[in-house]
Amino acid sequence: MYTLFYSPNACSLASHIALAESGLPYEVRRVNFAENEQRSPEYLKHNPNGRVPALVTEKGTLIESPAILAFIAQSAPDAKVAPLDDPFEFARMQGFNSFIASSLHVAYAHNKRGYRWADGQEALDAMKRKVVPNMRMYFGMVENDFLTGPWVLGEAYSVADPYLFTMADWLEGLGIDREEFPKVADHYRRMMERPAVQKALSVERPD
């Protein structure tokens, strides 16, 4: 049994969806950010960074979305949620997931979590002003360069897809219409039809 620590509307949704797709036995535990549970001594034992996701396995706890997504895919080969038999395609998937983690997600975090990188209101305001332009720039790259077919890797679904879905889900909160990126919007709609996505959302957004 795997245990995923998550918070609603966080990047942990990608791992939640991947687990639902995988067929692996799992449970989820919510980390209540409003009550600062991510900084509790109990949770910091799982993730000293105080963030989600964290995936508890029989060998220990994994953190960071790209690592967790790859682990899920490799632990459930029959689910076929990664190109495990093709090193190049697997690396391409990992490259996309790393792009999300290191570029797109970081650009989004400048909106409310600029304090991670700067002090002073002027600096924080300047970072916020760059959020929408940078998100449009990065989603333009996804639209024009990375999204090669109905799924991120083309015809084959992979754990890169719930990660992209999660990022695209955040766009409306920034006032960005997903329809600015037709392939991304189509991907989002296709993802919403998947039972695993509906299952994860029913837990994270029961209302």
Protein backbone atom coordinates (compact mmCIF):
# COMPACT_ATOMS: atom_id res chain seq x y z
CA MET A 1 0.00 0.00 0.00
CA TYR A 2 1.33 3.40 -1.01
CA THR A 3 0.37 6.59 0.78
CA LEU A 4 0.24 9.87 -1.13
CA PHE A 5 0.27 13.12 0.81
CA TYR A 6 -1.54 15.78 -1.19
CA SER A 7 -3.17 19.18 -0.96
CA PRO A 8 -6.14 20.17 -3.15
CA ASN A 9 -5.24 22.31 -6.18
CA ALA A 10 -1.54 21.56 -5.71
CA CYS A 11 0.82 19.79 -8.11
CA SER A 12 0.23 16.60 -6.13
CA LEU A 13 -2.90 16.15 -8.26
CA ALA A 14 -0.68 14.76 -11.03
CA SER A 15 0.61 11.98 -8.78
CA HIS A 16 -2.91 11.32 -7.51
CA ILE A 17 -4.18 10.83 -11.06
CA ALA A 18 -1.19 8.65 -11.94
CA LEU A 19 -1.87 6.39 -8.96
CA ALA A 20 -5.52 6.13 -9.98
CA GLU A 21 -4.41 5.10 -13.47
CA SER A 22 -1.81 2.63 -12.24
CA GLY A 23 -3.89 -0.01 -10.51
CA LEU A 24 -1.48 0.05 -7.58
CA PRO A 25 -2.92 -0.12 -4.05
CA TYR A 26 -2.85 3.33 -2.49
CA GLU A 27 -4.43 5.73 -0.06
CA VAL A 28 -4.28 9.51 0.07
CA ARG A 29 -3.85 11.81 3.03
CA ARG A 30 -4.62 15.49 2.82
CA VAL A 31 -2.11 18.00 4.12
CA ASN A 32 -4.05 21.03 5.32
CA PHE A 33 -2.02 24.03 4.24
CA ALA A 34 -4.51 26.44 5.83
CA GLU A 35 -3.56 24.99 9.20
CA ASN A 36 0.15 24.85 8.28
CA GLU A 37 0.24 21.07 8.53
CA GLN A 38 3.01 21.01 5.92
CA ARG A 39 5.30 22.49 8.58
CA SER A 40 4.31 20.07 11.32
CA PRO A 41 7.09 17.84 12.72
CA GLU A 42 5.10 14.77 11.66
CA TYR A 43 4.90 15.82 8.01
CA LEU A 44 8.45 17.16 7.85
CA LYS A 45 9.63 13.63 8.59
CA HIS A 46 8.18 12.68 5.20
CA ASN A 47 9.20 15.81 3.31
CA PRO A 48 11.66 18.17 5.01
CA ASN A 49 10.87 20.71 2.29
CA GLY A 50 7.36 21.08 3.68
CA ARG A 51 5.67 20.63 0.31
CA VAL A 52 3.53 18.10 -1.54
CA PRO A 53 3.52 15.55 -2.99
CA ALA A 54 5.20 12.94 -0.84
CA LEU A 55 4.75 9.25 -1.57
CA VAL A 56 5.39 6.77 1.21
CA THR A 57 6.57 3.36 -0.03
CA GLU A 58 7.80 0.26 1.73
CA LYS A 59 11.37 1.39 1.02
CA GLY A 60 10.93 4.96 2.18
CA THR A 61 9.41 8.25 1.08
CA LEU A 62 9.78 9.83 -2.35
CA ILE A 63 9.36 13.54 -3.02
CA GLU A 64 9.18 15.74 -6.15
CA SER A 65 6.61 15.12 -8.87
CA PRO A 66 8.92 13.91 -11.68
CA ALA A 67 10.46 11.26 -9.42
CA ILE A 68 7.11 10.11 -8.05
CA LEU A 69 5.51 9.95 -11.50
CA ALA A 70 8.40 7.89 -12.88
CA PHE A 71 8.28 5.57 -9.87
CA ILE A 72 4.55 4.97 -10.31
CA ALA A 73 5.00 4.20 -14.00
CA GLN A 74 7.87 1.80 -13.36
CA SER A 75 6.04 0.11 -10.47
CA ALA A 76 2.99 -0.59 -12.64
CA PRO A 77 4.32 -1.71 -16.03
CA ASP A 78 1.01 -3.32 -16.99
CA ALA A 79 -0.72 0.06 -16.78
CA LYS A 80 1.44 1.29 -19.67
CA VAL A 81 1.69 4.87 -18.41
CA ALA A 82 5.27 5.35 -19.61
CA PRO A 83 7.40 4.09 -22.51
CA LEU A 84 9.40 1.73 -20.28
CA ASP A 85 10.86 -0.24 -23.18
CA ASP A 86 12.23 2.81 -25.03
CA PRO A 87 15.01 4.69 -23.21
CA PHE A 88 14.79 7.68 -25.55
CA GLU A 89 11.03 8.10 -25.19
CA PHE A 90 11.27 7.62 -21.44
CA ALA A 91 13.91 10.32 -21.29
CA ARG A 92 11.73 12.58 -23.45
CA MET A 93 8.92 12.11 -20.97
CA GLN A 94 11.28 12.91 -18.11
CA GLY A 95 12.52 15.97 -19.96
CA PHE A 96 8.98 17.27 -20.28
CA ASN A 97 8.22 16.60 -16.62
CA SER A 98 11.45 18.30 -15.62
CA PHE A 99 10.51 21.32 -17.76
CA ILE A 100 7.24 21.59 -15.88
CA ALA A 101 8.91 21.27 -12.50
CA SER A 102 11.83 23.61 -13.13
CA SER A 103 10.29 26.23 -15.42
CA LEU A 104 6.51 26.29 -15.68
CA HIS A 105 5.73 25.52 -12.05
CA VAL A 106 8.38 27.94 -10.84
CA ALA A 107 6.90 30.71 -12.99
CA TYR A 108 3.50 30.04 -11.43
CA ALA A 109 4.92 30.03 -7.90
CA HIS A 110 6.14 33.60 -8.34
CA ASN A 111 2.50 34.66 -8.03
CA LYS A 112 1.99 33.84 -4.35
CA ARG A 113 5.29 32.43 -3.21
CA GLY A 114 7.78 35.01 -4.38
CA TYR A 115 9.09 35.16 -0.83
CA ARG A 116 11.04 32.02 -1.67
CA TRP A 117 13.30 34.09 -3.91
CA ALA A 118 13.12 37.73 -2.81
CA ASP A 119 12.35 40.11 0.03
CA GLY A 120 10.59 43.46 -0.11
CA GLN A 121 7.23 44.36 -1.61
CA GLU A 122 8.70 46.02 -4.69
CA ALA A 123 10.56 42.85 -5.63
CA LEU A 124 7.54 40.68 -4.92
CA ASP A 125 5.28 42.90 -7.02
CA ALA A 126 7.77 42.83 -9.89
CA MET A 127 7.80 39.03 -9.78
CA LYS A 128 4.00 38.90 -9.82
CA ARG A 129 3.89 41.09 -12.92
CA LYS A 130 5.93 38.48 -14.76
CA VAL A 131 3.72 35.54 -13.88
CA VAL A 132 1.10 35.84 -16.63
CA PRO A 133 3.60 36.72 -19.41
CA ASN A 134 5.86 33.85 -18.37
CA MET A 135 3.01 31.36 -18.13
CA ARG A 136 1.85 32.37 -21.59
CA MET A 137 5.40 31.97 -22.87
CA TYR A 138 5.84 28.51 -21.38
CA PHE A 139 2.42 27.30 -22.46
CA GLY A 140 3.24 28.59 -25.92
CA MET A 141 6.23 26.25 -25.87
CA VAL A 142 4.01 23.37 -24.77
CA GLU A 143 1.52 24.19 -27.52
CA ASN A 144 4.02 24.63 -30.33
CA ASP A 145 6.95 22.41 -29.41
CA PHE A 146 6.13 19.77 -26.80
CA LEU A 147 2.54 18.59 -27.28
CA THR A 148 3.11 16.39 -30.29
CA GLY A 149 -0.22 14.60 -30.51
CA PRO A 150 -3.33 13.88 -28.53
CA TRP A 151 -0.97 13.15 -25.62
CA VAL A 152 2.34 14.70 -24.63
CA LEU A 153 4.32 11.86 -26.22
CA GLY A 154 2.05 11.59 -29.25
CA GLU A 155 -0.30 8.64 -29.51
CA ALA A 156 0.73 7.07 -26.21
CA TYR A 157 -0.64 8.30 -22.88
CA SER A 158 1.93 8.68 -20.10
CA VAL A 159 2.39 10.16 -16.64
CA ALA A 160 3.42 13.39 -18.38
CA ASP A 161 -0.24 13.94 -19.21
CA PRO A 162 -1.63 14.33 -15.67
CA TYR A 163 1.26 16.70 -14.95
CA LEU A 164 0.34 18.90 -17.91
CA PHE A 165 -3.34 18.67 -16.96
CA THR A 166 -2.55 19.92 -13.47
CA MET A 167 -0.65 22.93 -14.78
CA ALA A 168 -3.36 23.74 -17.34
CA ASP A 169 -5.93 23.54 -14.57
CA TRP A 170 -4.25 26.54 -12.91
CA LEU A 171 -4.55 28.87 -15.90
CA GLU A 172 -8.04 30.15 -15.22
CA GLY A 173 -6.99 31.30 -11.76
CA LEU A 174 -4.49 33.59 -13.45
CA GLY A 175 -7.09 34.96 -15.85
CA ILE A 176 -5.64 33.05 -18.81
CA ASP A 177 -8.12 31.37 -21.12
CA ARG A 178 -6.96 27.84 -21.96
CA GLU A 179 -8.46 28.32 -25.42
CA GLU A 180 -5.51 30.58 -26.20
CA PHE A 181 -3.70 27.27 -26.57
CA PRO A 182 -6.03 25.03 -28.63
CA LYS A 183 -3.99 21.83 -28.30
CA VAL A 184 -3.59 22.34 -24.56
CA ALA A 185 -7.32 23.01 -24.20
CA ASP A 186 -8.16 19.89 -26.21
CA HIS A 187 -5.76 17.87 -24.06
CA TYR A 188 -7.43 19.24 -20.92
CA ARG A 189 -10.87 18.21 -22.12
CA ARG A 190 -9.61 14.75 -23.07
CA MET A 191 -8.07 14.34 -19.64
CA MET A 192 -11.30 15.34 -17.94
CA GLU A 193 -12.98 12.37 -19.61
CA ARG A 194 -10.61 9.82 -18.08
CA PRO A 195 -12.00 7.83 -15.14
CA ALA A 196 -8.76 8.24 -13.18
CA VAL A 197 -9.02 12.02 -13.40
CA GLN A 198 -12.63 11.95 -12.30
CA LYS A 199 -11.73 9.64 -9.42
CA ALA A 200 -8.93 11.90 -8.17
CA LEU A 201 -11.02 15.05 -8.53
CA SER A 202 -13.92 13.47 -6.67
CA VAL A 203 -11.61 13.10 -3.68
CA GLU A 204 -9.84 16.44 -3.94
CA ARG A 205 -12.90 18.48 -4.97
CA PRO A 206 -15.90 16.65 -3.54
CA ASP A 207 -18.16 19.70 -3.98
